[in-house]
PDB file of N, CA and C in Angstrom:
ATOM      1  N   MET A   1      -1.491  13.630  -5.011  1.00  0.00           N
ATOM      2  CA  MET A   1      -1.313  12.200  -4.824  1.00  0.00           C
ATOM      3  C   MET A   1       0.138  11.828  -5.129  1.00  0.00           C
ATOM      4  N   GLN A   2       0.702  11.032  -4.268  1.00  0.00           N
ATOM      5  CA  GLN A   2       2.095  10.609  -4.408  1.00  0.00           C
ATOM      6  C   GLN A   2       2.225   9.572  -5.521  1.00  0.00           C
ATOM      7  N   LYS A   3       3.231   9.756  -6.385  1.00  0.00           N
ATOM      8  CA  LYS A   3       3.471   8.785  -7.447  1.00  0.00           C
ATOM      9  C   LYS A   3       4.232   7.595  -6.892  1.00  0.00           C
ATOM     10  N   ILE A   4       3.779   6.390  -7.264  1.00  0.00           N
ATOM     11  CA  ILE A   4       4.477   5.181  -6.856  1.00  0.00           C
ATOM     12  C   ILE A   4       4.684   4.304  -8.090  1.00  0.00           C
ATOM     13  N   THR A   5       5.667   3.448  -8.013  1.00  0.00           N
ATOM     14  CA  THR A   5       5.916   2.536  -9.111  1.00  0.00           C
ATOM     15  C   THR A   5       4.905   1.395  -9.067  1.00  0.00           C
ATOM     16  N   THR A   6       4.777   0.699 -10.172  1.00  0.00           N
ATOM     17  CA  THR A   6       3.890  -0.460 -10.225  1.00  0.00           C
ATOM     18  C   THR A   6       4.326  -1.500  -9.210  1.00  0.00           C
ATOM     19  N   GLU A   7       5.639  -1.713  -9.099  1.00  0.00           N
ATOM     20  CA  GLU A   7       6.153  -2.683  -8.136  1.00  0.00           C
ATOM     21  C   GLU A   7       5.777  -2.291  -6.716  1.00  0.00           C
ATOM     22  N   ASP A   8       5.929  -1.026  -6.382  1.00  0.00           N
ATOM     23  CA  ASP A   8       5.558  -0.558  -5.044  1.00  0.00           C
ATOM     24  C   ASP A   8       4.056  -0.719  -4.796  1.00  0.00           C
ATOM     25  N   PHE A   9       3.262  -0.505  -5.838  1.00  0.00           N
ATOM     26  CA  PHE A   9       1.814  -0.667  -5.741  1.00  0.00           C
ATOM     27  C   PHE A   9       1.456  -2.106  -5.391  1.00  0.00           C
ATOM     28  N   TYR A  10       2.062  -3.058  -6.116  1.00  0.00           N
ATOM     29  CA  TYR A  10       1.806  -4.470  -5.837  1.00  0.00           C
ATOM     30  C   TYR A  10       2.294  -4.862  -4.442  1.00  0.00           C
ATOM     31  N   LYS A  11       3.425  -4.319  -4.024  1.00  0.00           N
ATOM     32  CA  LYS A  11       3.939  -4.611  -2.678  1.00  0.00           C
ATOM     33  C   LYS A  11       3.002  -4.071  -1.609  1.00  0.00           C
ATOM     34  N   MET A  12       2.443  -2.886  -1.842  1.00  0.00           N
ATOM     35  CA  MET A  12       1.513  -2.280  -0.895  1.00  0.00           C
ATOM     36  C   MET A  12       0.261  -3.144  -0.767  1.00  0.00           C
ATOM     37  N   ILE A  13      -0.274  -3.589  -1.888  1.00  0.00           N
ATOM     38  CA  ILE A  13      -1.460  -4.449  -1.849  1.00  0.00           C
ATOM     39  C   ILE A  13      -1.140  -5.743  -1.107  1.00  0.00           C
ATOM     40  N   GLY A  14       0.006  -6.351  -1.399  1.00  0.00           N
ATOM     41  CA  GLY A  14       0.406  -7.582  -0.719  1.00  0.00           C
ATOM     42  C   GLY A  14       0.527  -7.389   0.782  1.00  0.00           C
ATOM     43  N   ALA A  15       1.104  -6.260   1.179  1.00  0.00           N
ATOM     44  CA  ALA A  15       1.251  -5.966   2.609  1.00  0.00           C
ATOM     45  C   ALA A  15      -0.120  -5.793   3.262  1.00  0.00           C
ATOM     46  N   ASN A  16      -1.044  -5.159   2.555  1.00  0.00           N
ATOM     47  CA  ASN A  16      -2.389  -4.979   3.097  1.00  0.00           C
ATOM     48  C   ASN A  16      -3.115  -6.311   3.223  1.00  0.00           C
ATOM     49  N   VAL A  17      -2.967  -7.178   2.238  1.00  0.00           N
ATOM     50  CA  VAL A  17      -3.580  -8.500   2.328  1.00  0.00           C
ATOM     51  C   VAL A  17      -3.036  -9.229   3.552  1.00  0.00           C
ATOM     52  N   ALA A  18      -1.708  -9.208   3.723  1.00  0.00           N
ATOM     53  CA  ALA A  18      -1.086  -9.880   4.872  1.00  0.00           C
ATOM     54  C   ALA A  18      -1.607  -9.304   6.187  1.00  0.00           C
ATOM     55  N   LYS A  19      -1.701  -7.985   6.265  1.00  0.00           N
ATOM     56  CA  LYS A  19      -2.177  -7.313   7.487  1.00  0.00           C
ATOM     57  C   LYS A  19      -3.593  -7.764   7.842  1.00  0.00           C
ATOM     58  N   TYR A  20      -4.506  -7.679   6.891  1.00  0.00           N
ATOM     59  CA  TYR A  20      -5.896  -8.034   7.177  1.00  0.00           C
ATOM     60  C   TYR A  20      -6.071  -9.536   7.384  1.00  0.00           C
ATOM     61  N   ARG A  21      -5.285 -10.330   6.675  1.00  0.00           N
ATOM     62  CA  ARG A  21      -5.328 -11.787   6.864  1.00  0.00           C
ATOM     63  C   ARG A  21      -4.933 -12.131   8.296  1.00  0.00           C
ATOM     64  N   LYS A  22      -3.847 -11.520   8.775  1.00  0.00           N
ATOM     65  CA  LYS A  22      -3.376 -11.779  10.136  1.00  0.00           C
ATOM     66  C   LYS A  22      -4.374 -11.275  11.176  1.00  0.00           C
ATOM     67  N   GLU A  23      -4.993 -10.119  10.900  1.00  0.00           N
ATOM     68  CA  GLU A  23      -6.000  -9.584  11.827  1.00  0.00           C
ATOM     69  C   GLU A  23      -7.177 -10.543  11.981  1.00  0.00           C
ATOM     70  N   LYS A  24      -7.499 -11.273  10.919  1.00  0.00           N
ATOM     71  CA  LYS A  24      -8.593 -12.255  10.961  1.00  0.00           C
ATOM     72  C   LYS A  24      -8.136 -13.600  11.504  1.00  0.00           C
ATOM     73  N   GLY A  25      -6.839 -13.718  11.816  1.00  0.00           N
ATOM     74  CA  GLY A  25      -6.317 -14.952  12.388  1.00  0.00           C
ATOM     75  C   GLY A  25      -6.168 -16.085  11.379  1.00  0.00           C
ATOM     76  N   LEU A  26      -6.026 -15.745  10.105  1.00  0.00           N
ATOM     77  CA  LEU A  26      -5.868 -16.761   9.069  1.00  0.00           C
ATOM     78  C   LEU A  26      -4.406 -16.916   8.665  1.00  0.00           C
ATOM     79  N   SER A  27      -4.003 -18.144   8.439  1.00  0.00           N
ATOM     80  CA  SER A  27      -2.672 -18.397   7.879  1.00  0.00           C
ATOM     81  C   SER A  27      -2.747 -18.205   6.373  1.00  0.00           C
ATOM     82  N   GLN A  28      -1.587 -18.195   5.728  1.00  0.00           N
ATOM     83  CA  GLN A  28      -1.564 -18.125   4.272  1.00  0.00           C
ATOM     84  C   GLN A  28      -2.274 -19.342   3.677  1.00  0.00           C
ATOM     85  N   LEU A  29      -2.088 -20.496   4.293  1.00  0.00           N
ATOM     86  CA  LEU A  29      -2.748 -21.701   3.809  1.00  0.00           C
ATOM     87  C   LEU A  29      -4.262 -21.596   3.962  1.00  0.00           C
ATOM     88  N   ASP A  30      -4.719 -21.087   5.103  1.00  0.00           N
ATOM     89  CA  ASP A  30      -6.165 -20.905   5.313  1.00  0.00           C
ATOM     90  C   ASP A  30      -6.761 -20.041   4.207  1.00  0.00           C
ATOM     91  N   LEU A  31      -6.126 -18.910   3.928  1.00  0.00           N
ATOM     92  CA  LEU A  31      -6.634 -18.004   2.909  1.00  0.00           C
ATOM     93  C   LEU A  31      -6.590 -18.667   1.534  1.00  0.00           C
ATOM     94  N   SER A  32      -5.498 -19.350   1.244  1.00  0.00           N
ATOM     95  CA  SER A  32      -5.372 -20.041  -0.048  1.00  0.00           C
ATOM     96  C   SER A  32      -6.488 -21.055  -0.237  1.00  0.00           C
ATOM     97  N   LEU A  33      -6.748 -21.848   0.778  1.00  0.00           N
ATOM     98  CA  LEU A  33      -7.799 -22.859   0.688  1.00  0.00           C
ATOM     99  C   LEU A  33      -9.169 -22.223   0.478  1.00  0.00           C
ATOM    100  N   LYS A  34      -9.428 -21.126   1.194  1.00  0.00           N
ATOM    101  CA  LYS A  34     -10.708 -20.433   1.046  1.00  0.00           C
ATOM    102  C   LYS A  34     -10.859 -19.811  -0.342  1.00  0.00           C
ATOM    103  N   MET A  35      -9.727 -19.507  -0.986  1.00  0.00           N
ATOM    104  CA  MET A  35      -9.739 -18.954  -2.338  1.00  0.00           C
ATOM    105  C   MET A  35      -9.869 -20.053  -3.388  1.00  0.00           C
ATOM    106  N   GLY A  36      -9.734 -21.310  -2.956  1.00  0.00           N
ATOM    107  CA  GLY A  36      -9.869 -22.423  -3.890  1.00  0.00           C
ATOM    108  C   GLY A  36      -8.561 -23.017  -4.366  1.00  0.00           C
ATOM    109  N   TYR A  37      -7.454 -22.666  -3.702  1.00  0.00           N
ATOM    110  CA  TYR A  37      -6.144 -23.207  -4.051  1.00  0.00           C
ATOM    111  C   TYR A  37      -5.728 -24.254  -3.027  1.00  0.00           C
ATOM    112  N   LYS A  38      -4.869 -25.171  -3.453  1.00  0.00           N
ATOM    113  CA  LYS A  38      -4.450 -26.259  -2.566  1.00  0.00           C
ATOM    114  C   LYS A  38      -3.090 -26.018  -1.925  1.00  0.00           C
ATOM    115  N   SER A  39      -2.435 -24.915  -2.280  1.00  0.00           N
ATOM    116  CA  SER A  39      -1.142 -24.597  -1.673  1.00  0.00           C
ATOM    117  C   SER A  39      -1.086 -23.105  -1.381  1.00  0.00           C
ATOM    118  N   VAL A  40      -0.062 -22.714  -0.656  1.00  0.00           N
ATOM    119  CA  VAL A  40       0.073 -21.310  -0.258  1.00  0.00           C
ATOM    120  C   VAL A  40       0.764 -20.458  -1.316  1.00  0.00           C
ATOM    121  N   SER A  41       1.209 -21.038  -2.406  1.00  0.00           N
ATOM    122  CA  SER A  41       2.072 -20.328  -3.352  1.00  0.00           C
ATOM    123  C   SER A  41       1.472 -19.027  -3.872  1.00  0.00           C
ATOM    124  N   VAL A  42       0.187 -19.011  -4.217  1.00  0.00           N
ATOM    125  CA  VAL A  42      -0.420 -17.784  -4.734  1.00  0.00           C
ATOM    126  C   VAL A  42      -0.379 -16.687  -3.676  1.00  0.00           C
ATOM    127  N   VAL A  43      -0.787 -17.022  -2.477  1.00  0.00           N
ATOM    128  CA  VAL A  43      -0.839 -16.017  -1.410  1.00  0.00           C
ATOM    129  C   VAL A  43       0.561 -15.616  -0.957  1.00  0.00           C
ATOM    130  N   SER A  44       1.418 -16.576  -0.691  1.00  0.00           N
ATOM    131  CA  SER A  44       2.744 -16.236  -0.164  1.00  0.00           C
ATOM    132  C   SER A  44       3.564 -15.437  -1.169  1.00  0.00           C
ATOM    133  N   SER A  45       3.570 -15.851  -2.414  1.00  0.00           N
ATOM    134  CA  SER A  45       4.342 -15.130  -3.435  1.00  0.00           C
ATOM    135  C   SER A  45       3.789 -13.733  -3.675  1.00  0.00           C
ATOM    136  N   SER A  46       2.478 -13.611  -3.690  1.00  0.00           N
ATOM    137  CA  SER A  46       1.855 -12.320  -3.974  1.00  0.00           C
ATOM    138  C   SER A  46       1.967 -11.341  -2.815  1.00  0.00           C
ATOM    139  N   GLU A  47       1.945 -11.857  -1.592  1.00  0.00           N
ATOM    140  CA  GLU A  47       2.076 -10.945  -0.443  1.00  0.00           C
ATOM    141  C   GLU A  47       3.422 -10.241  -0.440  1.00  0.00           C
ATOM    142  N   ILE A  48       4.446 -10.894  -0.947  1.00  0.00           N
ATOM    143  CA  ILE A  48       5.779 -10.269  -0.948  1.00  0.00           C
ATOM    144  C   ILE A  48       6.257  -9.897  -2.349  1.00  0.00           C
ATOM    145  N   PHE A  49       5.383 -10.057  -3.363  1.00  0.00           N
ATOM    146  CA  PHE A  49       5.710  -9.735  -4.754  1.00  0.00           C
ATOM    147  C   PHE A  49       6.964 -10.488  -5.188  1.00  0.00           C
ATOM    148  N   TYR A  50       7.016 -11.772  -4.855  1.00  0.00           N
ATOM    149  CA  TYR A  50       8.159 -12.622  -5.171  1.00  0.00           C
ATOM    150  C   TYR A  50       8.149 -12.984  -6.650  1.00  0.00           C
ATOM    151  N   ASN A  51       9.267 -12.731  -7.328  1.00  0.00           N
ATOM    152  CA  ASN A  51       9.399 -12.997  -8.770  1.00  0.00           C
ATOM    153  C   ASN A  51       8.276 -12.355  -9.584  1.00  0.00           C
ATOM    154  N   GLY A  52       7.828 -11.195  -9.164  1.00  0.00           N
ATOM    155  CA  GLY A  52       6.808 -10.464  -9.909  1.00  0.00           C
ATOM    156  C   GLY A  52       5.400 -11.003  -9.768  1.00  0.00           C
ATOM    157  N   LYS A  53       5.205 -11.951  -8.851  1.00  0.00           N
ATOM    158  CA  LYS A  53       3.861 -12.510  -8.638  1.00  0.00           C
ATOM    159  C   LYS A  53       3.010 -11.486  -7.894  1.00  0.00           C
ATOM    160  N   HIS A  54       1.761 -11.375  -8.323  1.00  0.00           N
ATOM    161  CA  HIS A  54       0.860 -10.439  -7.667  1.00  0.00           C
ATOM    162  C   HIS A  54      -0.569 -10.941  -7.768  1.00  0.00           C
ATOM    163  N   PHE A  55      -1.420 -10.379  -6.925  1.00  0.00           N
ATOM    164  CA  PHE A  55      -2.832 -10.723  -6.937  1.00  0.00           C
ATOM    165  C   PHE A  55      -3.486 -10.071  -8.150  1.00  0.00           C
ATOM    166  N   ASN A  56      -4.415 -10.791  -8.781  1.00  0.00           N
ATOM    167  CA  ASN A  56      -5.182 -10.163  -9.848  1.00  0.00           C
ATOM    168  C   ASN A  56      -6.512  -9.678  -9.261  1.00  0.00           C
ATOM    169  N   LEU A  57      -7.333  -9.064 -10.081  1.00  0.00           N
ATOM    170  CA  LEU A  57      -8.590  -8.501  -9.570  1.00  0.00           C
ATOM    171  C   LEU A  57      -9.523  -9.558  -9.003  1.00  0.00           C
ATOM    172  N   GLU A  58      -9.562 -10.717  -9.631  1.00  0.00           N
ATOM    173  CA  GLU A  58     -10.401 -11.802  -9.109  1.00  0.00           C
ATOM    174  C   GLU A  58      -9.926 -12.226  -7.728  1.00  0.00           C
ATOM    175  N   HIS A  59      -8.606 -12.326  -7.563  1.00  0.00           N
ATOM    176  CA  HIS A  59      -8.042 -12.665  -6.244  1.00  0.00           C
ATOM    177  C   HIS A  59      -8.468 -11.630  -5.213  1.00  0.00           C
ATOM    178  N   LEU A  60      -8.307 -10.346  -5.565  1.00  0.00           N
ATOM    179  CA  LEU A  60      -8.607  -9.283  -4.607  1.00  0.00           C
ATOM    180  C   LEU A  60     -10.072  -9.262  -4.211  1.00  0.00           C
ATOM    181  N   LEU A  61     -10.955  -9.527  -5.155  1.00  0.00           N
ATOM    182  CA  LEU A  61     -12.379  -9.592  -4.833  1.00  0.00           C
ATOM    183  C   LEU A  61     -12.651 -10.744  -3.870  1.00  0.00           C
ATOM    184  N   LYS A  62     -12.103 -11.921  -4.162  1.00  0.00           N
ATOM    185  CA  LYS A  62     -12.283 -13.075  -3.273  1.00  0.00           C
ATOM    186  C   LYS A  62     -11.713 -12.794  -1.891  1.00  0.00           C
ATOM    187  N   ILE A  63     -10.517 -12.220  -1.850  1.00  0.00           N
ATOM    188  CA  ILE A  63      -9.861 -11.928  -0.571  1.00  0.00           C
ATOM    189  C   ILE A  63     -10.704 -10.962   0.254  1.00  0.00           C
ATOM    190  N   SER A  64     -11.196  -9.896  -0.385  1.00  0.00           N
ATOM    191  CA  SER A  64     -11.996  -8.923   0.367  1.00  0.00           C
ATOM    192  C   SER A  64     -13.262  -9.567   0.920  1.00  0.00           C
ATOM    193  N   GLN A  65     -13.861 -10.477   0.168  1.00  0.00           N
ATOM    194  CA  GLN A  65     -15.058 -11.160   0.642  1.00  0.00           C
ATOM    195  C   GLN A  65     -14.725 -12.134   1.768  1.00  0.00           C
ATOM    196  N   ILE A  66     -13.648 -12.874   1.629  1.00  0.00           N
ATOM    197  CA  ILE A  66     -13.236 -13.827   2.662  1.00  0.00           C
ATOM    198  C   ILE A  66     -12.895 -13.094   3.962  1.00  0.00           C
ATOM    199  N   LEU A  67     -12.159 -11.987   3.836  1.00  0.00           N
ATOM    200  CA  LEU A  67     -11.732 -11.239   5.016  1.00  0.00           C
ATOM    201  C   LEU A  67     -12.800 -10.268   5.520  1.00  0.00           C
ATOM    202  N   GLU A  68     -13.895 -10.176   4.769  1.00  0.00           N
ATOM    203  CA  GLU A  68     -15.014  -9.298   5.134  1.00  0.00           C
ATOM    204  C   GLU A  68     -14.568  -7.850   5.307  1.00  0.00           C
ATOM    205  N   ILE A  69     -13.854  -7.362   4.292  1.00  0.00           N
ATOM    206  CA  ILE A  69     -13.414  -5.966   4.272  1.00  0.00           C
ATOM    207  C   ILE A  69     -13.802  -5.358   2.935  1.00  0.00           C
ATOM    208  N   ASP A  70     -13.897  -4.048   2.911  1.00  0.00           N
ATOM    209  CA  ASP A  70     -14.137  -3.338   1.654  1.00  0.00           C
ATOM    210  C   ASP A  70     -12.886  -3.487   0.796  1.00  0.00           C
ATOM    211  N   ILE A  71     -13.058  -3.824  -0.454  1.00  0.00           N
ATOM    212  CA  ILE A  71     -11.916  -4.041  -1.342  1.00  0.00           C
ATOM    213  C   ILE A  71     -11.005  -2.811  -1.395  1.00  0.00           C
ATOM    214  N   CYS A  72     -11.561  -1.638  -1.188  1.00  0.00           N
ATOM    215  CA  CYS A  72     -10.774  -0.399  -1.208  1.00  0.00           C
ATOM    216  C   CYS A  72      -9.676  -0.392  -0.146  1.00  0.00           C
ATOM    217  N   GLU A  73      -9.887  -1.113   0.943  1.00  0.00           N
ATOM    218  CA  GLU A  73      -8.881  -1.184   2.013  1.00  0.00           C
ATOM    219  C   GLU A  73      -7.568  -1.781   1.512  1.00  0.00           C
ATOM    220  N   LEU A  74      -7.638  -2.622   0.498  1.00  0.00           N
ATOM    221  CA  LEU A  74      -6.436  -3.266  -0.017  1.00  0.00           C
ATOM    222  C   LEU A  74      -5.581  -2.309  -0.838  1.00  0.00           C
ATOM    223  N   PHE A  75      -6.157  -1.181  -1.247  1.00  0.00           N
ATOM    224  CA  PHE A  75      -5.450  -0.215  -2.081  1.00  0.00           C
ATOM    225  C   PHE A  75      -4.950   0.997  -1.298  1.00  0.00           C
ATOM    226  N   LYS A  76      -5.137   0.990   0.004  1.00  0.00           N
ATOM    227  CA  LYS A  76      -4.724   2.141   0.819  1.00  0.00           C
ATOM    228  C   LYS A  76      -3.272   2.028   1.223  1.00  0.00           C
ATOM    229  N   ASN A  77      -2.580   3.142   1.149  1.00  0.00           N
ATOM    230  CA  ASN A  77      -1.177   3.219   1.541  1.00  0.00           C
ATOM    231  C   ASN A  77      -1.122   3.565   3.020  1.00  0.00           C
ATOM    232  N   ASN A  78      -1.047   2.529   3.853  1.00  0.00           N
ATOM    233  CA  ASN A  78      -1.092   2.746   5.313  1.00  0.00           C
ATOM    234  C   ASN A  78       0.254   3.101   5.872  1.00  0.00           C
TER     235      ASN A  78
END
């Protein structure tokens, strides 16, 4: 297994969220609203790991359910 940094790990997860979100035809705002947020800041910052922002486990569970994907897909290095 290839070693990656924590930062790279968070960036990979963010990229996967963005990929699957776009495949489902959802905007960042759409996903944020479905997660219970009123702005895109959580999703937009976490997708690009801006200022160290990242999705937590609760976010990832909600995202996988909203996008109807296995949560494991978010951890794959595509």
